[in-house]
């Protein structure tokens, strides 16, 4: 393939941009951490959660679930921040 100086320079810059983009993707890949769910919910519960969020809104359901989890955790003897 033949190219004049302008085409050569444009191709060189394009290669540099692709290389920079690939370096960014590799950096993101290297920084990945495994996403481990805090609570493993079964399929039925997940389906009901999705339906509830559609009906009542995500913010409302998240607030209610956080309240329920806080209440359930208060029943356990967990170490305090001072311990």
N, C-alpha and C. Protein backbone atom coordinates (compact mmCIF):
# COMPACT_ATOMS: atom_id res chain seq x y z
N UNK A 1 0.85 -1.18 0.00
CA UNK A 1 0.00 0.00 0.00
C UNK A 1 0.89 1.23 0.00
N UNK A 2 0.55 2.18 -0.80
CA UNK A 2 1.32 3.41 -0.90
C UNK A 2 0.54 4.53 -0.25
N UNK A 3 1.29 5.47 0.33
CA UNK A 3 0.66 6.62 0.98
C UNK A 3 1.57 7.82 0.85
N UNK A 4 0.94 9.00 0.72
CA UNK A 4 1.76 10.22 0.72
C UNK A 4 2.03 10.62 2.17
N UNK A 5 2.82 11.65 2.37
CA UNK A 5 3.25 12.06 3.72
C UNK A 5 2.05 12.38 4.60
N UNK A 6 1.03 13.07 4.08
CA UNK A 6 -0.16 13.42 4.87
C UNK A 6 -0.89 12.16 5.32
N UNK A 7 -1.12 11.21 4.42
CA UNK A 7 -1.79 9.96 4.77
C UNK A 7 -0.98 9.17 5.78
N UNK A 8 0.34 9.17 5.59
CA UNK A 8 1.22 8.48 6.52
C UNK A 8 1.09 9.07 7.92
N UNK A 9 1.09 10.41 8.01
CA UNK A 9 0.97 11.09 9.32
C UNK A 9 -0.40 10.84 9.95
N UNK A 10 -1.46 10.88 9.17
CA UNK A 10 -2.79 10.61 9.69
C UNK A 10 -2.90 9.19 10.22
N UNK A 11 -2.35 8.24 9.47
CA UNK A 11 -2.37 6.85 9.91
C UNK A 11 -1.54 6.66 11.17
N UNK A 12 -0.42 7.33 11.24
CA UNK A 12 0.43 7.25 12.43
C UNK A 12 -0.29 7.80 13.66
N UNK A 13 -0.98 8.94 13.51
CA UNK A 13 -1.75 9.52 14.63
C UNK A 13 -2.90 8.60 15.03
N UNK A 14 -3.56 7.99 14.05
CA UNK A 14 -4.65 7.07 14.34
C UNK A 14 -4.13 5.86 15.12
N UNK A 15 -2.99 5.34 14.73
CA UNK A 15 -2.39 4.21 15.44
C UNK A 15 -2.05 4.62 16.87
N UNK A 16 -1.52 5.83 17.05
CA UNK A 16 -1.20 6.32 18.40
C UNK A 16 -2.45 6.39 19.26
N UNK A 17 -3.56 6.90 18.69
CA UNK A 17 -4.82 7.00 19.45
C UNK A 17 -5.36 5.62 19.82
N UNK A 18 -5.28 4.68 18.88
CA UNK A 18 -5.74 3.31 19.16
C UNK A 18 -4.87 2.71 20.26
N UNK A 19 -3.59 2.94 20.18
CA UNK A 19 -2.66 2.40 21.19
C UNK A 19 -2.96 2.98 22.57
N UNK A 20 -3.23 4.29 22.63
CA UNK A 20 -3.57 4.94 23.91
C UNK A 20 -4.88 4.36 24.45
N UNK A 21 -5.85 4.17 23.57
CA UNK A 21 -7.14 3.58 23.99
C UNK A 21 -6.95 2.18 24.52
N UNK A 22 -6.14 1.39 23.84
CA UNK A 22 -5.87 0.02 24.29
C UNK A 22 -5.17 0.04 25.64
N UNK A 23 -4.22 0.95 25.82
CA UNK A 23 -3.55 1.07 27.12
C UNK A 23 -4.54 1.39 28.23
N UNK A 24 -5.52 2.26 27.95
CA UNK A 24 -6.54 2.61 28.94
C UNK A 24 -7.40 1.40 29.28
N UNK A 25 -7.78 0.63 28.27
CA UNK A 25 -8.59 -0.56 28.50
C UNK A 25 -7.80 -1.58 29.32
N UNK A 26 -6.54 -1.77 29.02
CA UNK A 26 -5.70 -2.70 29.77
C UNK A 26 -5.56 -2.25 31.21
N UNK A 27 -5.40 -0.95 31.43
CA UNK A 27 -5.30 -0.42 32.79
C UNK A 27 -6.59 -0.68 33.57
N UNK A 28 -7.75 -0.43 32.95
CA UNK A 28 -9.03 -0.71 33.60
C UNK A 28 -9.16 -2.19 33.92
N UNK A 29 -8.76 -3.03 32.98
CA UNK A 29 -8.84 -4.48 33.19
C UNK A 29 -7.97 -4.89 34.38
N UNK A 30 -6.78 -4.35 34.46
CA UNK A 30 -5.86 -4.72 35.54
C UNK A 30 -6.35 -4.25 36.91
N UNK A 31 -7.21 -3.23 36.94
CA UNK A 31 -7.73 -2.70 38.19
C UNK A 31 -9.06 -3.34 38.61
N UNK A 32 -9.58 -4.25 37.79
CA UNK A 32 -10.85 -4.90 38.10
C UNK A 32 -10.76 -5.70 39.38
N UNK A 33 -11.84 -5.68 40.13
CA UNK A 33 -11.99 -6.50 41.32
C UNK A 33 -13.24 -7.33 41.15
N UNK A 34 -13.22 -8.53 41.71
CA UNK A 34 -14.39 -9.39 41.60
C UNK A 34 -15.55 -8.78 42.38
N UNK A 35 -16.71 -8.75 41.74
CA UNK A 35 -17.91 -8.22 42.37
C UNK A 35 -18.61 -9.37 43.09
N UNK A 36 -18.56 -9.35 44.40
CA UNK A 36 -19.19 -10.39 45.20
C UNK A 36 -20.46 -9.83 45.82
N UNK A 37 -21.61 -10.44 45.53
CA UNK A 37 -22.85 -9.92 46.11
C UNK A 37 -22.85 -10.07 47.63
N UNK A 38 -23.37 -9.07 48.31
CA UNK A 38 -23.45 -9.10 49.77
C UNK A 38 -24.50 -10.10 50.21
N UNK A 39 -25.62 -10.10 49.51
CA UNK A 39 -26.71 -11.01 49.82
C UNK A 39 -27.04 -11.78 48.55
N UNK A 40 -27.11 -13.10 48.65
CA UNK A 40 -27.48 -13.92 47.50
C UNK A 40 -28.99 -14.14 47.53
N UNK A 41 -29.66 -13.47 46.61
CA UNK A 41 -31.12 -13.57 46.53
C UNK A 41 -31.50 -14.60 45.49
N UNK A 42 -32.56 -15.36 45.78
CA UNK A 42 -32.99 -16.35 44.80
C UNK A 42 -33.76 -15.66 43.67
N UNK A 43 -33.97 -16.40 42.60
CA UNK A 43 -34.58 -15.83 41.39
C UNK A 43 -35.97 -15.24 41.64
N UNK A 44 -36.76 -15.90 42.48
CA UNK A 44 -38.11 -15.41 42.76
C UNK A 44 -38.05 -14.05 43.44
N UNK A 45 -37.15 -13.90 44.41
CA UNK A 45 -37.02 -12.63 45.13
C UNK A 45 -36.53 -11.54 44.17
N UNK A 46 -35.58 -11.87 43.31
CA UNK A 46 -35.09 -10.89 42.34
C UNK A 46 -36.20 -10.41 41.41
N UNK A 47 -37.02 -11.35 40.97
CA UNK A 47 -38.15 -10.99 40.11
C UNK A 47 -39.12 -10.07 40.84
N UNK A 48 -39.43 -10.42 42.09
CA UNK A 48 -40.34 -9.58 42.88
C UNK A 48 -39.74 -8.20 43.13
N UNK A 49 -38.45 -8.14 43.36
CA UNK A 49 -37.79 -6.84 43.56
C UNK A 49 -37.90 -5.97 42.31
N UNK A 50 -37.65 -6.57 41.16
CA UNK A 50 -37.76 -5.83 39.91
C UNK A 50 -39.18 -5.30 39.71
N UNK A 51 -40.16 -6.14 39.99
CA UNK A 51 -41.56 -5.72 39.85
C UNK A 51 -41.90 -4.60 40.82
N UNK A 52 -41.43 -4.74 42.06
CA UNK A 52 -41.70 -3.71 43.07
C UNK A 52 -41.05 -2.38 42.69
N UNK A 53 -39.84 -2.44 42.17
CA UNK A 53 -39.15 -1.20 41.76
C UNK A 53 -39.86 -0.53 40.59
N UNK A 54 -40.40 -1.35 39.69
CA UNK A 54 -41.16 -0.78 38.57
C UNK A 54 -42.43 -0.11 39.07
N UNK A 55 -43.09 -0.74 40.04
CA UNK A 55 -44.37 -0.24 40.53
C UNK A 55 -44.20 0.96 41.47
N UNK A 56 -43.26 0.87 42.42
CA UNK A 56 -43.13 1.89 43.46
C UNK A 56 -41.92 2.80 43.29
N UNK A 57 -41.03 2.46 42.40
CA UNK A 57 -39.84 3.27 42.19
C UNK A 57 -38.64 2.71 42.95
N UNK A 58 -37.50 2.83 42.32
CA UNK A 58 -36.27 2.25 42.88
C UNK A 58 -35.89 2.88 44.22
N UNK A 59 -35.99 4.20 44.31
CA UNK A 59 -35.60 4.89 45.55
C UNK A 59 -36.46 4.45 46.74
N UNK A 60 -37.75 4.33 46.53
CA UNK A 60 -38.66 3.92 47.61
C UNK A 60 -38.33 2.50 48.09
N UNK A 61 -38.16 1.57 47.16
CA UNK A 61 -37.87 0.18 47.51
C UNK A 61 -36.51 0.09 48.20
N UNK A 62 -35.50 0.79 47.68
CA UNK A 62 -34.18 0.77 48.32
C UNK A 62 -34.25 1.27 49.76
N UNK A 63 -35.02 2.33 49.97
CA UNK A 63 -35.17 2.87 51.33
C UNK A 63 -35.83 1.85 52.26
N UNK A 64 -36.89 1.22 51.78
CA UNK A 64 -37.59 0.21 52.59
C UNK A 64 -36.68 -0.98 52.90
N UNK A 65 -35.96 -1.46 51.90
CA UNK A 65 -35.07 -2.61 52.12
C UNK A 65 -33.95 -2.27 53.08
N UNK A 66 -33.40 -1.08 52.98
CA UNK A 66 -32.36 -0.66 53.92
C UNK A 66 -32.89 -0.63 55.34
N UNK A 67 -34.10 -0.15 55.51
CA UNK A 67 -34.72 -0.14 56.84
C UNK A 67 -34.89 -1.55 57.39
N UNK A 68 -35.36 -2.46 56.52
CA UNK A 68 -35.55 -3.84 56.96
C UNK A 68 -34.23 -4.51 57.34
N UNK A 69 -33.21 -4.29 56.54
CA UNK A 69 -31.90 -4.91 56.82
C UNK A 69 -31.31 -4.34 58.10
N UNK A 70 -31.42 -3.03 58.30
CA UNK A 70 -30.93 -2.42 59.54
C UNK A 70 -31.64 -3.03 60.76
N UNK A 71 -32.95 -3.20 60.65
CA UNK A 71 -33.72 -3.79 61.75
C UNK A 71 -33.26 -5.22 62.01
N UNK A 72 -33.11 -6.02 60.96
CA UNK A 72 -32.67 -7.41 61.12
C UNK A 72 -31.26 -7.48 61.72
N UNK A 73 -30.39 -6.60 61.31
CA UNK A 73 -29.03 -6.60 61.85
C UNK A 73 -29.00 -6.15 63.31
N UNK A 74 -29.97 -5.35 63.71
CA UNK A 74 -30.00 -4.90 65.11
C UNK A 74 -30.32 -6.06 66.05
N UNK A 75 -30.88 -7.14 65.52
CA UNK A 75 -31.19 -8.30 66.35
C UNK A 75 -29.93 -9.11 66.67
N UNK A 76 -28.88 -8.90 65.89
CA UNK A 76 -27.64 -9.66 66.06
C UNK A 76 -26.69 -8.93 67.00
N UNK A 77 -25.85 -9.68 67.66
CA UNK A 77 -24.82 -9.07 68.49
C UNK A 77 -23.59 -8.84 67.64
N UNK A 78 -23.54 -7.67 67.04
CA UNK A 78 -22.42 -7.32 66.18
C UNK A 78 -21.46 -6.42 66.94
N UNK A 79 -20.16 -6.50 66.65
CA UNK A 79 -19.21 -5.60 67.32
C UNK A 79 -19.51 -4.16 66.94
N UNK A 80 -19.33 -3.27 67.87
CA UNK A 80 -19.54 -1.84 67.61
C UNK A 80 -18.26 -1.27 67.05
N UNK A 81 -18.34 -0.03 66.57
CA UNK A 81 -17.17 0.63 66.00
C UNK A 81 -16.08 0.83 67.05
N UNK A 82 -16.49 0.96 68.32
CA UNK A 82 -15.52 1.17 69.39
C UNK A 82 -14.71 -0.08 69.67
N UNK A 83 -15.28 -1.26 69.38
CA UNK A 83 -14.59 -2.51 69.63
C UNK A 83 -13.61 -2.71 68.53
